[in-house]
Amino acid sequence: MPGPRRRWNWRAIRAIMRKDLKQVIQNKMIWVPMIAVPGILEVVLPLVLVLMPSFVGAEEFTIEDLMPILEKMPSALRESIRQLSGQQQWVVLSANYLFTPMFLIVPLMVSSILGADSFAGERERKTLESLLYTPIREEE
């Protein structure tokens, strides 16, 4: 049987969130990397790899170059890609399979940056004591 339900102190939670977000918005060392790194990882790098066959030339990308990659893929996927040209295969493989994990990394990166700034910034700004004296439970 579960224990009694505790009520959350939403007023204190909102006050801490407001304080942390205000400090993040004011600190360029925090929000510039949170915009620049995802921009590079999810816009510039995929764009370069997808457009690379156009710059190098279609004759440079042959199906034989991609055979080691294609041999390790599931047969159903391999058959759907095999009918494409080498240039098209490169675009499909790089856009769909190489950069999909990058979209999962960015939320982790942003939350890590905010969490690290929350604790390290509190200590650096000498405001950690106010956070420690806040009447709020760890769960909140």
Protein backbone atom coordinates (compact mmCIF):
# COMPACT_ATOMS: atom_id res chain seq x y z
CA MET A 1 0.00 0.00 0.00
CA PRO A 2 1.51 3.33 -1.02
CA GLY A 3 2.23 5.95 1.60
CA PRO A 4 0.42 9.26 1.91
CA ARG A 5 0.63 11.55 -1.09
CA ARG A 6 2.76 14.60 -0.58
CA ARG A 7 1.79 17.91 -2.03
CA TRP A 8 4.46 19.67 -4.07
CA ASN A 9 5.50 23.21 -3.25
CA TRP A 10 4.88 24.63 -6.73
CA ARG A 11 5.54 28.19 -5.61
CA ALA A 12 9.10 27.32 -4.57
CA ILE A 13 9.64 25.19 -7.70
CA ARG A 14 8.53 28.06 -9.97
CA ALA A 15 10.73 30.52 -8.07
CA ILE A 16 13.82 28.32 -8.55
CA MET A 17 12.98 27.71 -12.22
CA ARG A 18 12.49 31.43 -12.82
CA LYS A 19 15.79 32.27 -11.13
CA ASP A 20 17.71 29.62 -13.11
CA LEU A 21 16.15 30.58 -16.45
CA LYS A 22 16.83 34.27 -15.81
CA GLN A 23 20.49 33.51 -15.14
CA VAL A 24 20.74 31.30 -18.25
CA ILE A 25 19.20 33.95 -20.50
CA GLN A 26 21.57 36.60 -19.14
CA ASN A 27 24.68 34.41 -19.52
CA LYS A 28 25.92 34.29 -23.13
CA MET A 29 28.41 31.57 -22.22
CA ILE A 30 25.42 29.25 -21.71
CA TRP A 31 22.96 29.99 -24.50
CA VAL A 32 25.42 30.58 -27.35
CA PRO A 33 26.76 26.99 -27.19
CA MET A 34 23.20 25.70 -26.79
CA ILE A 35 22.36 27.32 -30.14
CA ALA A 36 25.67 26.92 -32.00
CA VAL A 37 26.43 23.24 -31.28
CA PRO A 38 22.98 21.92 -32.30
CA GLY A 39 23.10 24.21 -35.32
CA ILE A 40 26.37 22.65 -36.40
CA LEU A 41 25.41 19.07 -35.52
CA GLU A 42 21.91 19.12 -36.97
CA VAL A 43 22.02 21.65 -39.79
CA VAL A 44 25.50 22.30 -41.14
CA LEU A 45 27.03 18.81 -40.87
CA PRO A 46 24.04 16.94 -42.39
CA LEU A 47 23.77 19.54 -45.12
CA VAL A 48 27.44 19.14 -46.01
CA LEU A 49 27.22 15.33 -46.09
CA VAL A 50 23.99 15.28 -48.08
CA LEU A 51 25.30 17.81 -50.62
CA MET A 52 28.80 16.28 -50.78
CA PRO A 53 27.99 13.95 -53.71
CA SER A 54 26.91 16.98 -55.75
CA PHE A 55 30.20 18.76 -55.12
CA VAL A 56 32.41 15.73 -55.67
CA GLY A 57 30.54 14.52 -58.72
CA ALA A 58 28.22 11.59 -59.36
CA GLU A 59 30.96 9.49 -60.99
CA GLU A 60 32.90 9.50 -57.70
CA PHE A 61 30.11 7.75 -55.81
CA THR A 62 29.52 4.24 -57.01
CA ILE A 63 27.54 1.42 -55.49
CA GLU A 64 30.75 -0.58 -54.99
CA ASP A 65 32.02 2.09 -52.57
CA LEU A 66 29.01 1.55 -50.35
CA MET A 67 29.00 -2.27 -50.46
CA PRO A 68 30.72 -2.74 -47.06
CA ILE A 69 28.00 -0.64 -45.45
CA LEU A 70 25.18 -2.28 -47.39
CA GLU A 71 26.33 -5.81 -46.52
CA LYS A 72 25.82 -5.10 -42.81
CA MET A 73 22.27 -3.82 -43.24
CA PRO A 74 19.10 -5.94 -42.91
CA SER A 75 18.11 -7.56 -46.19
CA ALA A 76 14.75 -5.74 -46.55
CA LEU A 77 16.42 -2.38 -46.11
CA ARG A 78 19.28 -3.35 -48.39
CA GLU A 79 16.86 -4.27 -51.18
CA SER A 80 14.97 -0.98 -50.89
CA ILE A 81 18.22 1.00 -51.14
CA ARG A 82 19.91 -1.16 -53.78
CA GLN A 83 17.71 0.17 -56.58
CA LEU A 84 19.03 3.72 -56.00
CA SER A 85 22.18 5.16 -57.56
CA GLY A 86 25.36 5.45 -55.50
CA GLN A 87 24.79 9.15 -54.95
CA GLN A 88 21.21 8.58 -53.82
CA GLN A 89 22.29 5.73 -51.54
CA TRP A 90 24.83 8.00 -49.87
CA VAL A 91 22.17 10.65 -49.22
CA VAL A 92 19.71 8.11 -47.80
CA LEU A 93 22.32 6.43 -45.59
CA SER A 94 23.86 9.63 -44.26
CA ALA A 95 20.60 11.52 -43.71
CA ASN A 96 18.53 8.68 -42.28
CA TYR A 97 21.01 6.56 -40.38
CA LEU A 98 24.07 8.64 -39.60
CA PHE A 99 22.34 11.72 -38.22
CA THR A 100 19.30 10.25 -36.52
CA PRO A 101 21.20 9.73 -33.23
CA MET A 102 22.30 13.37 -33.34
CA PHE A 103 18.71 14.45 -32.72
CA LEU A 104 18.75 12.40 -29.53
CA ILE A 105 22.04 13.87 -28.33
CA VAL A 106 20.93 17.50 -28.40
CA PRO A 107 18.26 17.30 -25.64
CA LEU A 108 20.75 15.45 -23.44
CA MET A 109 23.37 18.08 -24.14
CA VAL A 110 21.04 20.99 -23.37
CA SER A 111 19.82 19.45 -20.11
CA SER A 112 23.41 18.69 -19.09
CA ILE A 113 24.49 22.28 -19.79
CA LEU A 114 21.57 23.68 -17.80
CA GLY A 115 22.13 21.28 -14.90
CA ALA A 116 25.86 21.95 -14.78
CA ASP A 117 25.30 25.70 -14.87
CA SER A 118 22.68 25.43 -12.17
CA PHE A 119 25.13 23.89 -9.70
CA ALA A 120 28.45 25.32 -10.87
CA GLY A 121 26.92 28.74 -11.50
CA GLU A 122 25.41 28.82 -8.01
CA ARG A 123 28.79 28.18 -6.51
CA GLU A 124 30.55 30.62 -8.83
CA ARG A 125 28.04 33.42 -8.17
CA LYS A 126 28.14 32.67 -4.41
CA THR A 127 24.36 32.08 -4.37
CA LEU A 128 24.45 28.41 -3.39
CA GLU A 129 23.51 29.19 0.20
CA SER A 130 20.17 30.65 -0.86
CA LEU A 131 19.39 27.45 -2.76
CA LEU A 132 20.41 25.28 0.20
CA TYR A 133 18.25 27.24 2.62
CA THR A 134 15.18 27.08 0.38
CA PRO A 135 12.46 25.08 2.16
CA ILE A 136 11.99 22.54 -0.59
CA ARG A 137 12.34 18.75 -0.65
CA GLU A 138 14.74 16.95 -2.99
CA GLU A 139 11.88 15.50 -5.05
CA GLU A 140 10.58 18.97 -5.78
